[in-house]
Full PDB file with SEQRES, HELIX, SHEET, SSBOND, CRYST1, ORIGX, SCALE, CONECT and MASTER records, all heavy atoms in Angstrom:
SEQRES   1 A   41  ALA VAL ASP PHE ASN SER PHE ARG SER LYS ILE HIS HIS          
SEQRES   2 A   41  THR GLN PHE GLY ALA GLN LYS VAL LYS ASP ALA ILE VAL          
SEQRES   3 A   41  ASP ARG LEU ARG ASP LEU PHE GLY THR ARG PRO SER VAL          
SEQRES   4 A   41  ASP LEU                                                      
HELIX    1 AA1 THR A   14  PHE A   33  1                                  20    
CRYST1    1.000    1.000    1.000  90.00  90.00  90.00 P 1           1          
ORIGX1      1.000000  0.000000  0.000000        0.00000                         
ORIGX2      0.000000  1.000000  0.000000        0.00000                         
ORIGX3      0.000000  0.000000  1.000000        0.00000                         
SCALE1      1.000000  0.000000  0.000000        0.00000                         
SCALE2      0.000000  1.000000  0.000000        0.00000                         
SCALE3      0.000000  0.000000  1.000000        0.00000                         
ATOM      1  N   ALA A   1       8.646  13.340  21.176  1.00  0.00           N  
ATOM      2  CA  ALA A   1       7.580  13.021  22.126  1.00  0.00           C  
ATOM      3  C   ALA A   1       7.794  11.634  22.669  1.00  0.00           C  
ATOM      4  O   ALA A   1       8.420  10.779  22.008  1.00  0.00           O  
ATOM      5  CB  ALA A   1       6.199  13.133  21.456  1.00  0.00           C  
ATOM      6  N   VAL A   2       7.341  11.399  23.889  1.00  0.00           N  
ATOM      7  CA  VAL A   2       7.505  10.105  24.567  1.00  0.00           C  
ATOM      8  C   VAL A   2       6.194   9.611  25.085  1.00  0.00           C  
ATOM      9  O   VAL A   2       5.466  10.330  25.799  1.00  0.00           O  
ATOM     10  CB  VAL A   2       8.554  10.185  25.731  1.00  0.00           C  
ATOM     11  CG1 VAL A   2       8.618   8.851  26.447  1.00  0.00           C  
ATOM     12  CG2 VAL A   2       9.923  10.617  25.208  1.00  0.00           C  
ATOM     13  N   ASP A   3       5.819   8.367  24.729  1.00  0.00           N  
ATOM     14  CA  ASP A   3       4.683   7.661  25.306  1.00  0.00           C  
ATOM     15  C   ASP A   3       5.212   6.647  26.296  1.00  0.00           C  
ATOM     16  O   ASP A   3       6.133   5.862  25.949  1.00  0.00           O  
ATOM     17  CB  ASP A   3       3.869   6.981  24.253  1.00  0.00           C  
ATOM     18  CG  ASP A   3       3.190   7.961  23.320  1.00  0.00           C  
ATOM     19  OD1 ASP A   3       2.830   9.070  23.760  1.00  0.00           O  
ATOM     20  OD2 ASP A   3       3.036   7.645  22.122  1.00  0.00           O  
ATOM     21  N   PHE A   4       4.701   6.613  27.485  1.00  0.00           N  
ATOM     22  CA  PHE A   4       5.199   5.681  28.526  1.00  0.00           C  
ATOM     23  C   PHE A   4       4.013   4.967  29.163  1.00  0.00           C  
ATOM     24  O   PHE A   4       3.038   5.580  29.585  1.00  0.00           O  
ATOM     25  CB  PHE A   4       5.969   6.459  29.592  1.00  0.00           C  
ATOM     26  CG  PHE A   4       6.647   5.593  30.650  1.00  0.00           C  
ATOM     27  CD1 PHE A   4       7.951   5.214  30.511  1.00  0.00           C  
ATOM     28  CD2 PHE A   4       5.932   5.178  31.801  1.00  0.00           C  
ATOM     29  CE1 PHE A   4       8.580   4.430  31.460  1.00  0.00           C  
ATOM     30  CE2 PHE A   4       6.527   4.403  32.741  1.00  0.00           C  
ATOM     31  CZ  PHE A   4       7.856   4.023  32.582  1.00  0.00           C  
ATOM     32  N   ASN A   5       4.105   3.644  29.163  1.00  0.00           N  
ATOM     33  CA  ASN A   5       3.076   2.818  29.819  1.00  0.00           C  
ATOM     34  C   ASN A   5       3.726   1.814  30.751  1.00  0.00           C  
ATOM     35  O   ASN A   5       4.825   1.343  30.470  1.00  0.00           O  
ATOM     36  CB  ASN A   5       2.256   2.062  28.758  1.00  0.00           C  
ATOM     37  CG  ASN A   5       1.376   3.017  27.956  1.00  0.00           C  
ATOM     38  OD1 ASN A   5       0.403   3.539  28.420  1.00  0.00           O  
ATOM     39  ND2 ASN A   5       1.805   3.286  26.686  1.00  0.00           N  
ATOM     40  N   SER A   6       3.060   1.503  31.824  1.00  0.00           N  
ATOM     41  CA  SER A   6       3.628   0.633  32.855  1.00  0.00           C  
ATOM     42  C   SER A   6       2.629  -0.437  33.237  1.00  0.00           C  
ATOM     43  O   SER A   6       1.422  -0.172  33.390  1.00  0.00           O  
ATOM     44  CB  SER A   6       4.037   1.453  34.070  1.00  0.00           C  
ATOM     45  OG  SER A   6       4.533   0.615  35.115  1.00  0.00           O  
ATOM     46  N   PHE A   7       3.126  -1.688  33.448  1.00  0.00           N  
ATOM     47  CA  PHE A   7       2.297  -2.748  33.913  1.00  0.00           C  
ATOM     48  C   PHE A   7       3.018  -3.564  34.941  1.00  0.00           C  
ATOM     49  O   PHE A   7       4.091  -4.112  34.735  1.00  0.00           O  
ATOM     50  CB  PHE A   7       1.961  -3.689  32.696  1.00  0.00           C  
ATOM     51  CG  PHE A   7       1.136  -4.873  33.050  1.00  0.00           C  
ATOM     52  CD1 PHE A   7      -0.214  -4.786  33.364  1.00  0.00           C  
ATOM     53  CD2 PHE A   7       1.746  -6.157  33.124  1.00  0.00           C  
ATOM     54  CE1 PHE A   7      -0.957  -5.919  33.693  1.00  0.00           C  
ATOM     55  CE2 PHE A   7       1.030  -7.267  33.479  1.00  0.00           C  
ATOM     56  CZ  PHE A   7      -0.353  -7.170  33.752  1.00  0.00           C  
ATOM     57  N   ARG A   8       2.439  -3.554  36.170  1.00  0.00           N  
ATOM     58  CA  ARG A   8       2.990  -4.301  37.298  1.00  0.00           C  
ATOM     59  C   ARG A   8       4.493  -4.044  37.478  1.00  0.00           C  
ATOM     60  O   ARG A   8       5.317  -4.946  37.558  1.00  0.00           O  
ATOM     61  CB  ARG A   8       2.705  -5.798  37.150  1.00  0.00           C  
ATOM     62  CG  ARG A   8       1.208  -6.107  37.276  1.00  0.00           C  
ATOM     63  CD  ARG A   8       0.907  -7.569  37.224  1.00  0.00           C  
ATOM     64  NE  ARG A   8      -0.539  -7.814  37.347  1.00  0.00           N  
ATOM     65  CZ  ARG A   8      -1.113  -8.989  37.188  1.00  0.00           C  
ATOM     66  NH1 ARG A   8      -0.361 -10.051  36.956  1.00  0.00           N  
ATOM     67  NH2 ARG A   8      -2.431  -9.109  37.324  1.00  0.00           N  
ATOM     68  N   SER A   9       4.853  -2.753  37.532  1.00  0.00           N  
ATOM     69  CA  SER A   9       6.237  -2.359  37.702  1.00  0.00           C  
ATOM     70  C   SER A   9       6.363  -1.289  38.786  1.00  0.00           C  
ATOM     71  O   SER A   9       5.359  -0.658  39.159  1.00  0.00           O  
ATOM     72  CB  SER A   9       6.797  -1.767  36.389  1.00  0.00           C  
ATOM     73  OG  SER A   9       6.743  -2.735  35.358  1.00  0.00           O  
ATOM     74  N   LYS A  10       7.523  -1.133  39.327  1.00  0.00           N  
ATOM     75  CA  LYS A  10       7.728  -0.185  40.419  1.00  0.00           C  
ATOM     76  C   LYS A  10       7.553   1.244  39.946  1.00  0.00           C  
ATOM     77  O   LYS A  10       7.149   2.116  40.753  1.00  0.00           O  
ATOM     78  CB  LYS A  10       9.113  -0.389  41.030  1.00  0.00           C  
ATOM     79  CG  LYS A  10       9.224  -1.739  41.783  1.00  0.00           C  
ATOM     80  CD  LYS A  10      10.570  -1.896  42.436  1.00  0.00           C  
ATOM     81  CE  LYS A  10      10.643  -3.251  43.188  1.00  0.00           C  
ATOM     82  NZ  LYS A  10      11.972  -3.470  43.828  1.00  0.00           N  
ATOM     83  N   ILE A  11       7.917   1.540  38.724  1.00  0.00           N  
ATOM     84  CA  ILE A  11       7.644   2.870  38.182  1.00  0.00           C  
ATOM     85  C   ILE A  11       6.258   2.807  37.536  1.00  0.00           C  
ATOM     86  O   ILE A  11       6.118   2.234  36.446  1.00  0.00           O  
ATOM     87  CB  ILE A  11       8.701   3.272  37.154  1.00  0.00           C  
ATOM     88  CG1 ILE A  11      10.108   3.203  37.743  1.00  0.00           C  
ATOM     89  CG2 ILE A  11       8.456   4.698  36.607  1.00  0.00           C  
ATOM     90  CD1 ILE A  11      11.225   3.373  36.715  1.00  0.00           C  
ATOM     91  N   HIS A  12       5.288   3.317  38.192  1.00  0.00           N  
ATOM     92  CA  HIS A  12       3.917   3.193  37.690  1.00  0.00           C  
ATOM     93  C   HIS A  12       3.275   4.534  37.299  1.00  0.00           C  
ATOM     94  O   HIS A  12       2.178   4.533  36.717  1.00  0.00           O  
ATOM     95  CB  HIS A  12       3.044   2.506  38.757  1.00  0.00           C  
ATOM     96  CG  HIS A  12       3.095   3.091  40.096  1.00  0.00           C  
ATOM     97  ND1 HIS A  12       2.400   4.237  40.436  1.00  0.00           N  
ATOM     98  CD2 HIS A  12       3.809   2.745  41.214  1.00  0.00           C  
ATOM     99  CE1 HIS A  12       2.655   4.559  41.692  1.00  0.00           C  
ATOM    100  NE2 HIS A  12       3.526   3.689  42.197  1.00  0.00           N  
ATOM    101  N   HIS A  13       3.927   5.641  37.580  1.00  0.00           N  
ATOM    102  CA  HIS A  13       3.415   6.969  37.201  1.00  0.00           C  
ATOM    103  C   HIS A  13       3.870   7.222  35.772  1.00  0.00           C  
ATOM    104  O   HIS A  13       5.018   7.510  35.496  1.00  0.00           O  
ATOM    105  CB  HIS A  13       3.914   8.037  38.141  1.00  0.00           C  
ATOM    106  CG  HIS A  13       3.166   9.318  38.073  1.00  0.00           C  
ATOM    107  ND1 HIS A  13       3.222  10.109  36.896  1.00  0.00           N  
ATOM    108  CD2 HIS A  13       2.351   9.955  38.921  1.00  0.00           C  
ATOM    109  CE1 HIS A  13       2.471  11.173  37.072  1.00  0.00           C  
ATOM    110  NE2 HIS A  13       1.921  11.116  38.288  1.00  0.00           N  
ATOM    111  N   THR A  14       2.913   7.152  34.809  1.00  0.00           N  
ATOM    112  CA  THR A  14       3.300   7.237  33.415  1.00  0.00           C  
ATOM    113  C   THR A  14       3.862   8.584  33.000  1.00  0.00           C  
ATOM    114  O   THR A  14       4.806   8.638  32.189  1.00  0.00           O  
ATOM    115  CB  THR A  14       2.062   6.891  32.527  1.00  0.00           C  
ATOM    116  OG1 THR A  14       0.967   7.768  32.872  1.00  0.00           O  
ATOM    117  CG2 THR A  14       1.608   5.457  32.726  1.00  0.00           C  
ATOM    118  N   GLN A  15       3.329   9.654  33.544  1.00  0.00           N  
ATOM    119  CA  GLN A  15       3.808  10.973  33.172  1.00  0.00           C  
ATOM    120  C   GLN A  15       5.238  11.157  33.709  1.00  0.00           C  
ATOM    121  O   GLN A  15       6.111  11.738  33.002  1.00  0.00           O  
ATOM    122  CB  GLN A  15       2.886  12.064  33.729  1.00  0.00           C  
ATOM    123  CG  GLN A  15       3.171  13.430  33.178  1.00  0.00           C  
ATOM    124  CD  GLN A  15       2.113  14.467  33.587  1.00  0.00           C  
ATOM    125  OE1 GLN A  15       1.098  14.116  34.175  1.00  0.00           O  
ATOM    126  NE2 GLN A  15       2.371  15.732  33.280  1.00  0.00           N  
ATOM    127  N   PHE A  16       5.499  10.699  34.922  1.00  0.00           N  
ATOM    128  CA  PHE A  16       6.858  10.799  35.486  1.00  0.00           C  
ATOM    129  C   PHE A  16       7.811   9.929  34.677  1.00  0.00           C  
ATOM    130  O   PHE A  16       8.982  10.328  34.424  1.00  0.00           O  
ATOM    131  CB  PHE A  16       6.813  10.313  36.971  1.00  0.00           C  
ATOM    132  CG  PHE A  16       8.171  10.363  37.626  1.00  0.00           C  
ATOM    133  CD1 PHE A  16       8.808  11.550  37.887  1.00  0.00           C  
ATOM    134  CD2 PHE A  16       8.801   9.170  38.000  1.00  0.00           C  
ATOM    135  CE1 PHE A  16      10.060  11.587  38.515  1.00  0.00           C  
ATOM    136  CE2 PHE A  16      10.024   9.170  38.623  1.00  0.00           C  
ATOM    137  CZ  PHE A  16      10.651  10.370  38.882  1.00  0.00           C  
ATOM    138  N   GLY A  17       7.389   8.709  34.308  1.00  0.00           N  
ATOM    139  CA  GLY A  17       8.247   7.865  33.527  1.00  0.00           C  
ATOM    140  C   GLY A  17       8.578   8.465  32.169  1.00  0.00           C  
ATOM    141  O   GLY A  17       9.754   8.419  31.726  1.00  0.00           O  
ATOM    142  N   ALA A  18       7.585   9.069  31.505  1.00  0.00           N  
ATOM    143  CA  ALA A  18       7.830   9.749  30.226  1.00  0.00           C  
ATOM    144  C   ALA A  18       8.815  10.881  30.335  1.00  0.00           C  
ATOM    145  O   ALA A  18       9.654  11.083  29.479  1.00  0.00           O  
ATOM    146  CB  ALA A  18       6.486  10.216  29.660  1.00  0.00           C  
ATOM    147  N   GLN A  19       8.692  11.624  31.462  1.00  0.00           N  
ATOM    148  CA  GLN A  19       9.577  12.751  31.719  1.00  0.00           C  
ATOM    149  C   GLN A  19      11.029  12.285  31.842  1.00  0.00           C  
ATOM    150  O   GLN A  19      11.962  12.866  31.295  1.00  0.00           O  
ATOM    151  CB  GLN A  19       9.141  13.471  32.995  1.00  0.00           C  
ATOM    152  CG  GLN A  19       9.978  14.727  33.322  1.00  0.00           C  
ATOM    153  CD  GLN A  19       9.714  15.871  32.352  1.00  0.00           C  
ATOM    154  OE1 GLN A  19       8.562  16.020  31.904  1.00  0.00           O  
ATOM    155  NE2 GLN A  19      10.722  16.662  32.067  1.00  0.00           N  
ATOM    156  N   LYS A  20      11.232  11.178  32.559  1.00  0.00           N  
ATOM    157  CA  LYS A  20      12.567  10.572  32.738  1.00  0.00           C  
ATOM    158  C   LYS A  20      13.194  10.159  31.409  1.00  0.00           C  
ATOM    159  O   LYS A  20      14.356  10.333  31.154  1.00  0.00           O  
ATOM    160  CB  LYS A  20      12.509   9.443  33.750  1.00  0.00           C  
ATOM    161  CG  LYS A  20      12.537   9.857  35.210  1.00  0.00           C  
ATOM    162  CD  LYS A  20      13.878  10.511  35.531  1.00  0.00           C  
ATOM    163  CE  LYS A  20      13.906  11.047  36.947  1.00  0.00           C  
ATOM    164  NZ  LYS A  20      15.165  11.762  37.219  1.00  0.00           N  
ATOM    165  N   VAL A  21      12.364   9.543  30.601  1.00  0.00           N  
ATOM    166  CA  VAL A  21      12.837   9.023  29.285  1.00  0.00           C  
ATOM    167  C   VAL A  21      13.237  10.247  28.419  1.00  0.00           C  
ATOM    168  O   VAL A  21      14.290  10.259  27.804  1.00  0.00           O  
ATOM    169  CB  VAL A  21      11.744   8.205  28.611  1.00  0.00           C  
ATOM    170  CG1 VAL A  21      12.132   7.909  27.151  1.00  0.00           C  
ATOM    171  CG2 VAL A  21      11.512   6.910  29.362  1.00  0.00           C  
ATOM    172  N   LYS A  22      12.363  11.235  28.415  1.00  0.00           N  
ATOM    173  CA  LYS A  22      12.641  12.457  27.635  1.00  0.00           C  
ATOM    174  C   LYS A  22      13.909  13.111  28.119  1.00  0.00           C  
ATOM    175  O   LYS A  22      14.804  13.503  27.276  1.00  0.00           O  
ATOM    176  CB  LYS A  22      11.449  13.424  27.739  1.00  0.00           C  
ATOM    177  CG  LYS A  22      11.555  14.666  26.835  1.00  0.00           C  
ATOM    178  CD  LYS A  22      12.228  15.855  27.503  1.00  0.00           C  
ATOM    179  CE  LYS A  22      11.394  16.345  28.680  1.00  0.00           C  
ATOM    180  NZ  LYS A  22      12.054  17.533  29.353  1.00  0.00           N  
ATOM    181  N   ASP A  23      14.103  13.239  29.442  1.00  0.00           N  
ATOM    182  CA  ASP A  23      15.290  13.853  29.966  1.00  0.00           C  
ATOM    183  C   ASP A  23      16.564  13.101  29.534  1.00  0.00           C  
ATOM    184  O   ASP A  23      17.585  13.738  29.181  1.00  0.00           O  
ATOM    185  CB  ASP A  23      15.243  13.860  31.514  1.00  0.00           C  
ATOM    186  CG  ASP A  23      14.216  14.886  32.043  1.00  0.00           C  
ATOM    187  OD1 ASP A  23      13.757  15.736  31.258  1.00  0.00           O  
ATOM    188  OD2 ASP A  23      13.906  14.793  33.263  1.00  0.00           O  
ATOM    189  N   ALA A  24      16.501  11.790  29.569  1.00  0.00           N  
ATOM    190  CA  ALA A  24      17.652  11.008  29.207  1.00  0.00           C  
ATOM    191  C   ALA A  24      18.058  11.186  27.774  1.00  0.00           C  
ATOM    192  O   ALA A  24      19.240  11.287  27.413  1.00  0.00           O  
ATOM    193  CB  ALA A  24      17.408   9.513  29.504  1.00  0.00           C  
ATOM    194  N   ILE A  25      17.057  11.252  26.872  1.00  0.00           N  
ATOM    195  CA  ILE A  25      17.363  11.427  25.448  1.00  0.00           C  
ATOM    196  C   ILE A  25      17.951  12.804  25.194  1.00  0.00           C  
ATOM    197  O   ILE A  25      18.975  12.918  24.495  1.00  0.00           O  
ATOM    198  CB  ILE A  25      16.034  11.275  24.601  1.00  0.00           C  
ATOM    199  CG1 ILE A  25      15.512   9.826  24.766  1.00  0.00           C  
ATOM    200  CG2 ILE A  25      16.326  11.569  23.125  1.00  0.00           C  
ATOM    201  CD1 ILE A  25      14.143   9.595  24.117  1.00  0.00           C  
ATOM    202  N   VAL A  26      17.324  13.854  25.707  1.00  0.00           N  
ATOM    203  CA  VAL A  26      17.824  15.191  25.420  1.00  0.00           C  
ATOM    204  C   VAL A  26      19.144  15.454  26.127  1.00  0.00           C  
ATOM    205  O   VAL A  26      20.019  16.169  25.601  1.00  0.00           O  
ATOM    206  CB  VAL A  26      16.789  16.264  25.798  1.00  0.00           C  
ATOM    207  CG1 VAL A  26      15.493  16.066  25.008  1.00  0.00           C  
ATOM    208  CG2 VAL A  26      16.488  16.296  27.272  1.00  0.00           C  
ATOM    209  N   ASP A  27      19.378  14.858  27.286  1.00  0.00           N  
ATOM    210  CA  ASP A  27      20.639  14.997  27.975  1.00  0.00           C  
ATOM    211  C   ASP A  27      21.783  14.386  27.155  1.00  0.00           C  
ATOM    212  O   ASP A  27      22.879  14.958  27.067  1.00  0.00           O  
ATOM    213  CB  ASP A  27      20.626  14.403  29.366  1.00  0.00           C  
ATOM    214  CG  ASP A  27      19.809  15.247  30.365  1.00  0.00           C  
ATOM    215  OD1 ASP A  27      19.391  16.343  29.994  1.00  0.00           O  
ATOM    216  OD2 ASP A  27      19.532  14.732  31.465  1.00  0.00           O  
ATOM    217  N   ARG A  28      21.512  13.229  26.557  1.00  0.00           N  
ATOM    218  CA  ARG A  28      22.567  12.596  25.743  1.00  0.00           C  
ATOM    219  C   ARG A  28      22.908  13.459  24.526  1.00  0.00           C  
ATOM    220  O   ARG A  28      24.062  13.707  24.221  1.00  0.00           O  
ATOM    221  CB  ARG A  28      22.094  11.190  25.255  1.00  0.00           C  
ATOM    222  CG  ARG A  28      23.153  10.504  24.368  1.00  0.00           C  
ATOM    223  CD  ARG A  28      22.683   9.208  23.834  1.00  0.00           C  
ATOM    224  NE  ARG A  28      23.630   8.658  22.870  1.00  0.00           N  
ATOM    225  CZ  ARG A  28      24.574   7.799  23.186  1.00  0.00           C  
ATOM    226  NH1 ARG A  28      24.742   7.350  24.419  1.00  0.00           N  
ATOM    227  NH2 ARG A  28      25.423   7.355  22.251  1.00  0.00           N  
ATOM    228  N   LEU A  29      21.869  13.954  23.872  1.00  0.00           N  
ATOM    229  CA  LEU A  29      22.091  14.787  22.695  1.00  0.00           C  
ATOM    230  C   LEU A  29      22.759  16.101  23.021  1.00  0.00           C  
ATOM    231  O   LEU A  29      23.613  16.599  22.287  1.00  0.00           O  
ATOM    232  CB  LEU A  29      20.782  14.981  21.920  1.00  0.00           C  
ATOM    233  CG  LEU A  29      20.157  13.730  21.317  1.00  0.00           C  
ATOM    234  CD1 LEU A  29      18.747  14.016  20.783  1.00  0.00           C  
ATOM    235  CD2 LEU A  29      21.054  13.181  20.229  1.00  0.00           C  
ATOM    236  N   ARG A  30      22.401  16.707  24.166  1.00  0.00           N  
ATOM    237  CA  ARG A  30      23.016  17.936  24.610  1.00  0.00           C  
ATOM    238  C   ARG A  30      24.486  17.695  24.956  1.00  0.00           C  
ATOM    239  O   ARG A  30      25.345  18.520  24.617  1.00  0.00           O  
ATOM    240  CB  ARG A  30      22.252  18.506  25.778  1.00  0.00           C  
ATOM    241  CG  ARG A  30      22.765  19.924  26.166  1.00  0.00           C  
ATOM    242  CD  ARG A  30      22.277  20.396  27.522  1.00  0.00           C  
ATOM    243  NE  ARG A  30      20.840  20.710  27.510  1.00  0.00           N  
ATOM    244  CZ  ARG A  30      19.905  20.040  28.134  1.00  0.00           C  
ATOM    245  NH1 ARG A  30      20.232  18.934  28.827  1.00  0.00           N  
ATOM    246  NH2 ARG A  30      18.655  20.410  28.129  1.00  0.00           N  
ATOM    247  N   ASP A  31      24.774  16.574  25.607  1.00  0.00           N  
ATOM    248  CA  ASP A  31      26.170  16.262  25.929  1.00  0.00           C  
ATOM    249  C   ASP A  31      27.019  16.077  24.686  1.00  0.00           C  
ATOM    250  O   ASP A  31      28.200  16.461  24.661  1.00  0.00           O  
ATOM    251  CB  ASP A  31      26.248  14.981  26.794  1.00  0.00           C  
ATOM    252  CG  ASP A  31      25.674  15.137  28.181  1.00  0.00           C  
ATOM    253  OD1 ASP A  31      25.427  16.321  28.582  1.00  0.00           O  
ATOM    254  OD2 ASP A  31      25.414  14.126  28.871  1.00  0.00           O  
ATOM    255  N   LEU A  32      26.433  15.499  23.635  1.00  0.00           N  
ATOM    256  CA  LEU A  32      27.177  15.238  22.410  1.00  0.00           C  
ATOM    257  C   LEU A  32      27.316  16.489  21.495  1.00  0.00           C  
ATOM    258  O   LEU A  32      28.352  16.709  20.903  1.00  0.00           O  
ATOM    259  CB  LEU A  32      26.500  14.105  21.617  1.00  0.00           C  
ATOM    260  CG  LEU A  32      26.633  12.712  22.188  1.00  0.00           C  
ATOM    261  CD1 LEU A  32      25.730  11.754  21.403  1.00  0.00           C  
ATOM    262  CD2 LEU A  32      28.055  12.215  22.126  1.00  0.00           C  
ATOM    263  N   PHE A  33      26.250  17.303  21.432  1.00  0.00           N  
ATOM    264  CA  PHE A  33      26.183  18.367  20.404  1.00  0.00           C  
ATOM    265  C   PHE A  33      25.973  19.740  20.963  1.00  0.00           C  
ATOM    266  O   PHE A  33      25.991  20.730  20.228  1.00  0.00           O  
ATOM    267  CB  PHE A  33      25.090  18.034  19.398  1.00  0.00           C  
ATOM    268  CG  PHE A  33      25.232  16.680  18.728  1.00  0.00           C  
ATOM    269  CD1 PHE A  33      24.362  15.626  19.117  1.00  0.00           C  
ATOM    270  CD2 PHE A  33      26.218  16.420  17.816  1.00  0.00           C  
ATOM    271  CE1 PHE A  33      24.497  14.366  18.539  1.00  0.00           C  
ATOM    272  CE2 PHE A  33      26.341  15.197  17.201  1.00  0.00           C  
ATOM    273  CZ  PHE A  33      25.487  14.154  17.601  1.00  0.00           C  
ATOM    274  N   GLY A  34      25.694  19.838  22.249  1.00  0.00           N  
ATOM    275  CA  GLY A  34      25.523  21.168  22.860  1.00  0.00           C  
ATOM    276  C   GLY A  34      24.141  21.748  22.605  1.00  0.00           C  
ATOM    277  O   GLY A  34      23.864  22.922  22.967  1.00  0.00           O  
ATOM    278  N   THR A  35      23.261  21.001  22.003  1.00  0.00           N  
ATOM    279  CA  THR A  35      21.892  21.431  21.757  1.00  0.00           C  
ATOM    280  C   THR A  35      20.939  20.243  21.853  1.00  0.00           C  
ATOM    281  O   THR A  35      21.421  19.099  21.956  1.00  0.00           O  
ATOM    282  CB  THR A  35      21.752  22.097  20.394  1.00  0.00           C  
ATOM    283  OG1 THR A  35      20.444  22.666  20.241  1.00  0.00           O  
ATOM    284  CG2 THR A  35      22.047  21.127  19.262  1.00  0.00           C  
ATOM    285  N   ARG A  36      19.643  20.485  21.824  1.00  0.00           N  
ATOM    286  CA  ARG A  36      18.696  19.375  22.088  1.00  0.00           C  
ATOM    287  C   ARG A  36      17.409  19.598  21.318  1.00  0.00           C  
ATOM    288  O   ARG A  36      17.071  20.757  20.941  1.00  0.00           O  
ATOM    289  CB  ARG A  36      18.386  19.285  23.555  1.00  0.00           C  
ATOM    290  CG  ARG A  36      17.998  20.645  24.169  1.00  0.00           C  
ATOM    291  CD  ARG A  36      17.120  20.501  25.364  1.00  0.00           C  
ATOM    292  NE  ARG A  36      15.738  20.132  24.992  1.00  0.00           N  
ATOM    293  CZ  ARG A  36      14.762  19.970  25.906  1.00  0.00           C  
ATOM    294  NH1 ARG A  36      15.023  20.174  27.175  1.00  0.00           N  
ATOM    295  NH2 ARG A  36      13.539  19.616  25.523  1.00  0.00           N  
ATOM    296  N   PRO A  37      16.643  18.536  21.054  1.00  0.00           N  
ATOM    297  CA  PRO A  37      15.343  18.710  20.386  1.00  0.00           C  
ATOM    298  C   PRO A  37      14.350  19.343  21.373  1.00  0.00           C  
ATOM    299  O   PRO A  37      14.546  19.296  22.607  1.00  0.00           O  
ATOM    300  CB  PRO A  37      14.907  17.250  20.081  1.00  0.00           C  
ATOM    301  CG  PRO A  37      16.114  16.414  20.289  1.00  0.00           C  
ATOM    302  CD  PRO A  37      17.000  17.124  21.258  1.00  0.00           C  
ATOM    303  N   SER A  38      13.302  19.935  20.836  1.00  0.00           N  
ATOM    304  CA  SER A  38      12.209  20.440  21.665  1.00  0.00           C  
ATOM    305  C   SER A  38      11.112  19.388  21.701  1.00  0.00           C  
ATOM    306  O   SER A  38      11.171  18.384  21.033  1.00  0.00           O  
ATOM    307  CB  SER A  38      11.676  21.748  21.126  1.00  0.00           C  
ATOM    308  OG  SER A  38      11.307  21.617  19.747  1.00  0.00           O  
ATOM    309  N   VAL A  39      10.095  19.641  22.512  1.00  0.00           N  
ATOM    310  CA  VAL A  39       9.022  18.665  22.701  1.00  0.00           C  
ATOM    311  C   VAL A  39       7.824  19.091  21.875  1.00  0.00           C  
ATOM    312  O   VAL A  39       7.420  20.270  21.877  1.00  0.00           O  
ATOM    313  CB  VAL A  39       8.604  18.558  24.171  1.00  0.00           C  
ATOM    314  CG1 VAL A  39       7.361  17.699  24.359  1.00  0.00           C  
ATOM    315  CG2 VAL A  39       9.758  17.989  24.979  1.00  0.00           C  
ATOM    316  N   ASP A  40       7.233  18.158  21.118  1.00  0.00           N  
ATOM    317  CA  ASP A  40       5.982  18.349  20.383  1.00  0.00           C  
ATOM    318  C   ASP A  40       5.141  17.124  20.569  1.00  0.00           C  
ATOM    319  O   ASP A  40       5.422  16.071  20.017  1.00  0.00           O  
ATOM    320  CB  ASP A  40       6.302  18.610  18.918  1.00  0.00           C  
ATOM    321  CG  ASP A  40       5.025  18.753  18.065  1.00  0.00           C  
ATOM    322  OD1 ASP A  40       3.897  18.784  18.670  1.00  0.00           O  
ATOM    323  OD2 ASP A  40       5.114  18.865  16.820  1.00  0.00           O  
ATOM    324  N   LEU A  41       4.111  17.238  21.374  1.00  0.00           N  
ATOM    325  CA  LEU A  41       3.263  16.086  21.691  1.00  0.00           C  
ATOM    326  C   LEU A  41       2.332  15.727  20.565  1.00  0.00           C  
ATOM    327  O   LEU A  41       1.742  14.629  20.535  1.00  0.00           O  
ATOM    328  CB  LEU A  41       2.446  16.344  22.961  1.00  0.00           C  
ATOM    329  CG  LEU A  41       3.283  16.623  24.223  1.00  0.00           C  
ATOM    330  CD1 LEU A  41       2.375  16.916  25.431  1.00  0.00           C  
ATOM    331  CD2 LEU A  41       4.211  15.468  24.547  1.00  0.00           C  
TER     332      LEU A  41                                                      
MASTER        0    0    0    1    0    0    0    6  331    1    0    4          
END                                                                             
């Protein structure tokens, strides 16, 4: 799960920011191992 908060920054949409962070983590793990974690909030 990813919590994202923004203060006076260009990326201010917290849900969009959290999605980008989650994508980056699972993409790295998928590239390395061919599989990825699931999401549990």
